Amino acid sequence: MKTIRPKSPRLRLDSKSYSELHRQVLERDGWRCQVCGSMQNLQVHHLKFRSQSGGDVEQNLITLCVACHEQVHGG
């Protein structure tokens, strides 16, 4: 019989800490979309979605412009 492992808890930051992390990710990525290089309409994307237990940690975040972010989410 296959055993089901419990989900590992994800790190979810409070809004102030998340805002600071958001800024750090934008700075780390040079204020550019990491797909197309745009410097406009930037957002921070979770590589492993929160719904899939992805945490609010720098290694799980990347800077994307709105258009590339929508493409990632199938829009």
PDB file of N, CA and C in Angstrom:
ATOM      1  N   MET A   1       0.836  -1.176   0.000  1.00  0.00           N
ATOM      2  CA  MET A   1       0.000   0.000   0.000  1.00  0.00           C
ATOM      3  C   MET A   1       0.885   1.245   0.000  1.00  0.00           C
ATOM      4  N   LYS A   2       0.495   2.227  -0.780  1.00  0.00           N
ATOM      5  CA  LYS A   2       1.254   3.464  -0.879  1.00  0.00           C
ATOM      6  C   LYS A   2       0.922   4.369   0.310  1.00  0.00           C
ATOM      7  N   THR A   3       1.972   4.889   0.958  1.00  0.00           N
ATOM      8  CA  THR A   3       1.732   5.791   2.078  1.00  0.00           C
ATOM      9  C   THR A   3       1.681   7.229   1.568  1.00  0.00           C
ATOM     10  N   ILE A   4       0.836   8.006   2.168  1.00  0.00           N
ATOM     11  CA  ILE A   4       0.697   9.408   1.800  1.00  0.00           C
ATOM     12  C   ILE A   4       1.463  10.236   2.806  1.00  0.00           C
ATOM     13  N   ARG A   5       2.440  10.988   2.265  1.00  0.00           N
ATOM     14  CA  ARG A   5       3.227  11.844   3.137  1.00  0.00           C
ATOM     15  C   ARG A   5       2.487  13.160   3.364  1.00  0.00           C
ATOM     16  N   PRO A   6       2.530  13.663   4.585  1.00  0.00           N
ATOM     17  CA  PRO A   6       1.888  14.958   4.822  1.00  0.00           C
ATOM     18  C   PRO A   6       2.653  16.076   4.122  1.00  0.00           C
ATOM     19  N   LYS A   7       1.915  17.122   3.747  1.00  0.00           N
ATOM     20  CA  LYS A   7       2.561  18.270   3.121  1.00  0.00           C
ATOM     21  C   LYS A   7       3.517  18.919   4.105  1.00  0.00           C
ATOM     22  N   SER A   8       4.656  19.354   3.579  1.00  0.00           N
ATOM     23  CA  SER A   8       5.588  20.076   4.443  1.00  0.00           C
ATOM     24  C   SER A   8       5.066  21.504   4.595  1.00  0.00           C
ATOM     25  N   PRO A   9       5.210  22.055   5.778  1.00  0.00           N
ATOM     26  CA  PRO A   9       4.695  23.419   5.968  1.00  0.00           C
ATOM     27  C   PRO A   9       5.488  24.415   5.137  1.00  0.00           C
ATOM     28  N   ARG A  10       4.794  25.358   4.540  1.00  0.00           N
ATOM     29  CA  ARG A  10       5.467  26.369   3.731  1.00  0.00           C
ATOM     30  C   ARG A  10       5.636  27.640   4.549  1.00  0.00           C
ATOM     31  N   LEU A  11       6.627  28.411   4.184  1.00  0.00           N
ATOM     32  CA  LEU A  11       6.867  29.674   4.847  1.00  0.00           C
ATOM     33  C   LEU A  11       5.982  30.721   4.187  1.00  0.00           C
ATOM     34  N   ARG A  12       5.125  31.341   4.978  1.00  0.00           N
ATOM     35  CA  ARG A  12       4.281  32.425   4.482  1.00  0.00           C
ATOM     36  C   ARG A  12       4.510  33.632   5.376  1.00  0.00           C
ATOM     37  N   LEU A  13       5.035  34.689   4.790  1.00  0.00           N
ATOM     38  CA  LEU A  13       5.429  35.865   5.556  1.00  0.00           C
ATOM     39  C   LEU A  13       4.261  36.815   5.792  1.00  0.00           C
ATOM     40  N   ASP A  14       4.391  37.640   6.831  1.00  0.00           N
ATOM     41  CA  ASP A  14       3.415  38.703   7.050  1.00  0.00           C
ATOM     42  C   ASP A  14       3.627  39.757   5.965  1.00  0.00           C
ATOM     43  N   SER A  15       2.682  40.672   5.808  1.00  0.00           N
ATOM     44  CA  SER A  15       2.718  41.606   4.678  1.00  0.00           C
ATOM     45  C   SER A  15       3.950  42.508   4.679  1.00  0.00           C
ATOM     46  N   LYS A  16       4.389  42.972   5.832  1.00  0.00           N
ATOM     47  CA  LYS A  16       5.567  43.840   5.883  1.00  0.00           C
ATOM     48  C   LYS A  16       6.821  43.074   5.451  1.00  0.00           C
ATOM     49  N   SER A  17       6.993  41.872   5.966  1.00  0.00           N
ATOM     50  CA  SER A  17       8.160  41.056   5.604  1.00  0.00           C
ATOM     51  C   SER A  17       8.112  40.664   4.133  1.00  0.00           C
ATOM     52  N   TYR A  18       6.905  40.356   3.612  1.00  0.00           N
ATOM     53  CA  TYR A  18       6.778  39.984   2.206  1.00  0.00           C
ATOM     54  C   TYR A  18       7.117  41.177   1.309  1.00  0.00           C
ATOM     55  N   SER A  19       6.693  42.378   1.693  1.00  0.00           N
ATOM     56  CA  SER A  19       7.013  43.573   0.905  1.00  0.00           C
ATOM     57  C   SER A  19       8.523  43.777   0.817  1.00  0.00           C
ATOM     58  N   GLU A  20       9.212  43.557   1.921  1.00  0.00           N
ATOM     59  CA  GLU A  20      10.676  43.685   1.926  1.00  0.00           C
ATOM     60  C   GLU A  20      11.312  42.617   1.043  1.00  0.00           C
ATOM     61  N   LEU A  21      10.836  41.388   1.142  1.00  0.00           N
ATOM     62  CA  LEU A  21      11.356  40.306   0.300  1.00  0.00           C
ATOM     63  C   LEU A  21      11.085  40.604  -1.171  1.00  0.00           C
ATOM     64  N   HIS A  22       9.904  41.106  -1.475  1.00  0.00           N
ATOM     65  CA  HIS A  22       9.505  41.478  -2.834  1.00  0.00           C
ATOM     66  C   HIS A  22      10.524  42.465  -3.411  1.00  0.00           C
ATOM     67  N   ARG A  23      10.875  43.493  -2.647  1.00  0.00           N
ATOM     68  CA  ARG A  23      11.847  44.494  -3.079  1.00  0.00           C
ATOM     69  C   ARG A  23      13.223  43.855  -3.284  1.00  0.00           C
ATOM     70  N   GLN A  24      13.617  42.956  -2.375  1.00  0.00           N
ATOM     71  CA  GLN A  24      14.916  42.284  -2.495  1.00  0.00           C
ATOM     72  C   GLN A  24      14.994  41.461  -3.776  1.00  0.00           C
ATOM     73  N   VAL A  25      13.902  40.792  -4.130  1.00  0.00           N
ATOM     74  CA  VAL A  25      13.885  39.979  -5.352  1.00  0.00           C
ATOM     75  C   VAL A  25      13.996  40.877  -6.582  1.00  0.00           C
ATOM     76  N   LEU A  26      13.261  41.990  -6.582  1.00  0.00           N
ATOM     77  CA  LEU A  26      13.356  42.935  -7.703  1.00  0.00           C
ATOM     78  C   LEU A  26      14.791  43.457  -7.849  1.00  0.00           C
ATOM     79  N   GLU A  27      15.413  43.803  -6.739  1.00  0.00           N
ATOM     80  CA  GLU A  27      16.804  44.275  -6.785  1.00  0.00           C
ATOM     81  C   GLU A  27      17.740  43.176  -7.261  1.00  0.00           C
ATOM     82  N   ARG A  28      17.574  41.974  -6.734  1.00  0.00           N
ATOM     83  CA  ARG A  28      18.432  40.848  -7.138  1.00  0.00           C
ATOM     84  C   ARG A  28      18.357  40.616  -8.643  1.00  0.00           C
ATOM     85  N   ASP A  29      17.153  40.754  -9.200  1.00  0.00           N
ATOM     86  CA  ASP A  29      16.938  40.492 -10.622  1.00  0.00           C
ATOM     87  C   ASP A  29      17.187  41.727 -11.492  1.00  0.00           C
ATOM     88  N   GLY A  30      17.749  42.773 -10.890  1.00  0.00           N
ATOM     89  CA  GLY A  30      18.108  43.969 -11.657  1.00  0.00           C
ATOM     90  C   GLY A  30      16.916  44.756 -12.166  1.00  0.00           C
ATOM     91  N   TRP A  31      15.781  44.638 -11.501  1.00  0.00           N
ATOM     92  CA  TRP A  31      14.557  45.347 -11.896  1.00  0.00           C
ATOM     93  C   TRP A  31      14.196  45.054 -13.349  1.00  0.00           C
ATOM     94  N   ARG A  32      14.372  43.777 -13.753  1.00  0.00           N
ATOM     95  CA  ARG A  32      14.049  43.335 -15.115  1.00  0.00           C
ATOM     96  C   ARG A  32      13.303  42.013 -15.075  1.00  0.00           C
ATOM     97  N   CYS A  33      12.378  41.858 -16.023  1.00  0.00           N
ATOM     98  CA  CYS A  33      11.709  40.575 -16.211  1.00  0.00           C
ATOM     99  C   CYS A  33      12.780  39.557 -16.585  1.00  0.00           C
ATOM    100  N   GLN A  34      12.771  38.428 -15.933  1.00  0.00           N
ATOM    101  CA  GLN A  34      13.789  37.413 -16.169  1.00  0.00           C
ATOM    102  C   GLN A  34      13.504  36.560 -17.399  1.00  0.00           C
ATOM    103  N   VAL A  35      12.385  36.839 -18.087  1.00  0.00           N
ATOM    104  CA  VAL A  35      12.077  36.145 -19.332  1.00  0.00           C
ATOM    105  C   VAL A  35      12.382  37.034 -20.535  1.00  0.00           C
ATOM    106  N   CYS A  36      11.801  38.248 -20.547  1.00  0.00           N
ATOM    107  CA  CYS A  36      11.935  39.106 -21.736  1.00  0.00           C
ATOM    108  C   CYS A  36      12.823  40.322 -21.527  1.00  0.00           C
ATOM    109  N   GLY A  37      13.195  40.628 -20.287  1.00  0.00           N
ATOM    110  CA  GLY A  37      14.076  41.761 -20.023  1.00  0.00           C
ATOM    111  C   GLY A  37      13.380  43.093 -19.813  1.00  0.00           C
ATOM    112  N   SER A  38      12.053  43.112 -19.894  1.00  0.00           N
ATOM    113  CA  SER A  38      11.310  44.360 -19.703  1.00  0.00           C
ATOM    114  C   SER A  38      11.554  44.925 -18.306  1.00  0.00           C
ATOM    115  N   MET A  39      11.491  46.265 -18.209  1.00  0.00           N
ATOM    116  CA  MET A  39      11.630  46.934 -16.919  1.00  0.00           C
ATOM    117  C   MET A  39      10.315  47.597 -16.504  1.00  0.00           C
ATOM    118  N   GLN A  40       9.221  47.250 -17.174  1.00  0.00           N
ATOM    119  CA  GLN A  40       7.923  47.863 -16.889  1.00  0.00           C
ATOM    120  C   GLN A  40       6.935  46.824 -16.381  1.00  0.00           C
ATOM    121  N   ASN A  41       6.021  47.282 -15.528  1.00  0.00           N
ATOM    122  CA  ASN A  41       4.937  46.436 -15.003  1.00  0.00           C
ATOM    123  C   ASN A  41       5.459  45.143 -14.388  1.00  0.00           C
ATOM    124  N   LEU A  42       6.422  45.269 -13.477  1.00  0.00           N
ATOM    125  CA  LEU A  42       7.063  44.099 -12.888  1.00  0.00           C
ATOM    126  C   LEU A  42       6.255  43.528 -11.731  1.00  0.00           C
ATOM    127  N   GLN A  43       6.287  42.219 -11.629  1.00  0.00           N
ATOM    128  CA  GLN A  43       5.653  41.478 -10.548  1.00  0.00           C
ATOM    129  C   GLN A  43       6.620  40.408 -10.075  1.00  0.00           C
ATOM    130  N   VAL A  44       6.381  39.901  -8.878  1.00  0.00           N
ATOM    131  CA  VAL A  44       7.197  38.809  -8.358  1.00  0.00           C
ATOM    132  C   VAL A  44       6.365  37.537  -8.400  1.00  0.00           C
ATOM    133  N   HIS A  45       6.927  36.505  -9.001  1.00  0.00           N
ATOM    134  CA  HIS A  45       6.227  35.232  -9.238  1.00  0.00           C
ATOM    135  C   HIS A  45       6.823  34.126  -8.373  1.00  0.00           C
ATOM    136  N   HIS A  46       5.959  33.283  -7.827  1.00  0.00           N
ATOM    137  CA  HIS A  46       6.399  32.093  -7.092  1.00  0.00           C
ATOM    138  C   HIS A  46       6.692  30.981  -8.101  1.00  0.00           C
ATOM    139  N   LEU A  47       7.913  30.479  -8.126  1.00  0.00           N
ATOM    140  CA  LEU A  47       8.272  29.382  -9.029  1.00  0.00           C
ATOM    141  C   LEU A  47       7.474  28.127  -8.686  1.00  0.00           C
ATOM    142  N   LYS A  48       7.418  27.801  -7.413  1.00  0.00           N
ATOM    143  CA  LYS A  48       6.545  26.737  -6.937  1.00  0.00           C
ATOM    144  C   LYS A  48       5.372  27.443  -6.277  1.00  0.00           C
ATOM    145  N   PHE A  49       4.203  27.289  -6.870  1.00  0.00           N
ATOM    146  CA  PHE A  49       3.027  28.031  -6.433  1.00  0.00           C
ATOM    147  C   PHE A  49       2.721  27.790  -4.958  1.00  0.00           C
ATOM    148  N   ARG A  50       2.154  28.783  -4.321  1.00  0.00           N
ATOM    149  CA  ARG A  50       1.736  28.645  -2.917  1.00  0.00           C
ATOM    150  C   ARG A  50       0.771  27.469  -2.761  1.00  0.00           C
ATOM    151  N   SER A  51      -0.092  27.277  -3.748  1.00  0.00           N
ATOM    152  CA  SER A  51      -1.066  26.181  -3.688  1.00  0.00           C
ATOM    153  C   SER A  51      -0.394  24.811  -3.735  1.00  0.00           C
ATOM    154  N   GLN A  52       0.875  24.790  -4.152  1.00  0.00           N
ATOM    155  CA  GLN A  52       1.643  23.544  -4.208  1.00  0.00           C
ATOM    156  C   GLN A  52       2.708  23.532  -3.125  1.00  0.00           C
ATOM    157  N   SER A  53       2.434  24.256  -2.044  1.00  0.00           N
ATOM    158  CA  SER A  53       3.320  24.353  -0.872  1.00  0.00           C
ATOM    159  C   SER A  53       4.591  25.142  -1.137  1.00  0.00           C
ATOM    160  N   GLY A  54       4.565  26.021  -2.128  1.00  0.00           N
ATOM    161  CA  GLY A  54       5.713  26.890  -2.371  1.00  0.00           C
ATOM    162  C   GLY A  54       5.755  27.999  -1.341  1.00  0.00           C
ATOM    163  N   GLY A  55       6.907  28.239  -0.795  1.00  0.00           N
ATOM    164  CA  GLY A  55       7.037  29.214   0.279  1.00  0.00           C
ATOM    165  C   GLY A  55       7.452  30.595  -0.187  1.00  0.00           C
ATOM    166  N   ASP A  56       7.311  31.550   0.713  1.00  0.00           N
ATOM    167  CA  ASP A  56       7.748  32.920   0.484  1.00  0.00           C
ATOM    168  C   ASP A  56       9.218  33.028   0.862  1.00  0.00           C
ATOM    169  N   VAL A  57      10.066  32.449   0.024  1.00  0.00           N
ATOM    170  CA  VAL A  57      11.513  32.500   0.229  1.00  0.00           C
ATOM    171  C   VAL A  57      12.151  32.970  -1.073  1.00  0.00           C
ATOM    172  N   GLU A  58      13.273  33.666  -0.962  1.00  0.00           N
ATOM    173  CA  GLU A  58      13.907  34.275  -2.132  1.00  0.00           C
ATOM    174  C   GLU A  58      14.174  33.268  -3.253  1.00  0.00           C
ATOM    175  N   GLN A  59      14.581  32.069  -2.907  1.00  0.00           N
ATOM    176  CA  GLN A  59      14.909  31.054  -3.912  1.00  0.00           C
ATOM    177  C   GLN A  59      13.677  30.619  -4.706  1.00  0.00           C
ATOM    178  N   ASN A  60      12.480  30.882  -4.195  1.00  0.00           N
ATOM    179  CA  ASN A  60      11.251  30.467  -4.863  1.00  0.00           C
ATOM    180  C   ASN A  60      10.595  31.623  -5.621  1.00  0.00           C
ATOM    181  N   LEU A  61      11.257  32.769  -5.707  1.00  0.00           N
ATOM    182  CA  LEU A  61      10.653  33.943  -6.328  1.00  0.00           C
ATOM    183  C   LEU A  61      11.492  34.444  -7.493  1.00  0.00           C
ATOM    184  N   ILE A  62      10.806  34.978  -8.495  1.00  0.00           N
ATOM    185  CA  ILE A  62      11.465  35.510  -9.685  1.00  0.00           C
ATOM    186  C   ILE A  62      10.682  36.723 -10.166  1.00  0.00           C
ATOM    187  N   THR A  63      11.379  37.669 -10.783  1.00  0.00           N
ATOM    188  CA  THR A  63      10.745  38.869 -11.321  1.00  0.00           C
ATOM    189  C   THR A  63      10.264  38.608 -12.745  1.00  0.00           C
ATOM    190  N   LEU A  64       8.984  38.913 -12.985  1.00  0.00           N
ATOM    191  CA  LEU A  64       8.390  38.799 -14.314  1.00  0.00           C
ATOM    192  C   LEU A  64       7.580  40.055 -14.602  1.00  0.00           C
ATOM    193  N   CYS A  65       7.461  40.420 -15.880  1.00  0.00           N
ATOM    194  CA  CYS A  65       6.552  41.501 -16.252  1.00  0.00           C
ATOM    195  C   CYS A  65       5.145  40.899 -16.295  1.00  0.00           C
ATOM    196  N   VAL A  66       4.144  41.768 -16.356  1.00  0.00           N
ATOM    197  CA  VAL A  66       2.757  41.304 -16.336  1.00  0.00           C
ATOM    198  C   VAL A  66       2.493  40.310 -17.476  1.00  0.00           C
ATOM    199  N   ALA A  67       2.966  40.623 -18.691  1.00  0.00           N
ATOM    200  CA  ALA A  67       2.693  39.752 -19.848  1.00  0.00           C
ATOM    201  C   ALA A  67       3.302  38.361 -19.662  1.00  0.00           C
ATOM    202  N   CYS A  68       4.559  38.299 -19.217  1.00  0.00           N
ATOM    203  CA  CYS A  68       5.208  36.996 -19.007  1.00  0.00           C
ATOM    204  C   CYS A  68       4.571  36.264 -17.833  1.00  0.00           C
ATOM    205  N   HIS A  69       4.169  36.995 -16.807  1.00  0.00           N
ATOM    206  CA  HIS A  69       3.529  36.383 -15.645  1.00  0.00           C
ATOM    207  C   HIS A  69       2.200  35.735 -16.062  1.00  0.00           C
ATOM    208  N   GLU A  70       1.448  36.435 -16.908  1.00  0.00           N
ATOM    209  CA  GLU A  70       0.181  35.872 -17.391  1.00  0.00           C
ATOM    210  C   GLU A  70       0.427  34.608 -18.216  1.00  0.00           C
ATOM    211  N   GLN A  71       1.492  34.605 -19.012  1.00  0.00           N
ATOM    212  CA  GLN A  71       1.805  33.418 -19.819  1.00  0.00           C
ATOM    213  C   GLN A  71       2.121  32.223 -18.940  1.00  0.00           C
ATOM    214  N   VAL A  72       2.864  32.464 -17.861  1.00  0.00           N
ATOM    215  CA  VAL A  72       3.215  31.380 -16.934  1.00  0.00           C
ATOM    216  C   VAL A  72       1.953  30.750 -16.355  1.00  0.00           C
ATOM    217  N   HIS A  73       0.953  31.588 -16.093  1.00  0.00           N
ATOM    218  CA  HIS A  73      -0.292  31.108 -15.489  1.00  0.00           C
ATOM    219  C   HIS A  73      -1.330  30.711 -16.542  1.00  0.00           C
ATOM    220  N   GLY A  74      -0.910  30.640 -17.793  1.00  0.00           N
ATOM    221  CA  GLY A  74      -1.787  30.163 -18.854  1.00  0.00           C
ATOM    222  C   GLY A  74      -2.768  31.197 -19.366  1.00  0.00           C
ATOM    223  N   GLY A  75      -2.450  32.466 -19.168  1.00  0.00           N
ATOM    224  CA  GLY A  75      -3.379  33.530 -19.595  1.00  0.00           C
ATOM    225  C   GLY A  75      -3.138  34.032 -20.975  1.00  0.00           C
TER     226      GLY A  75
END
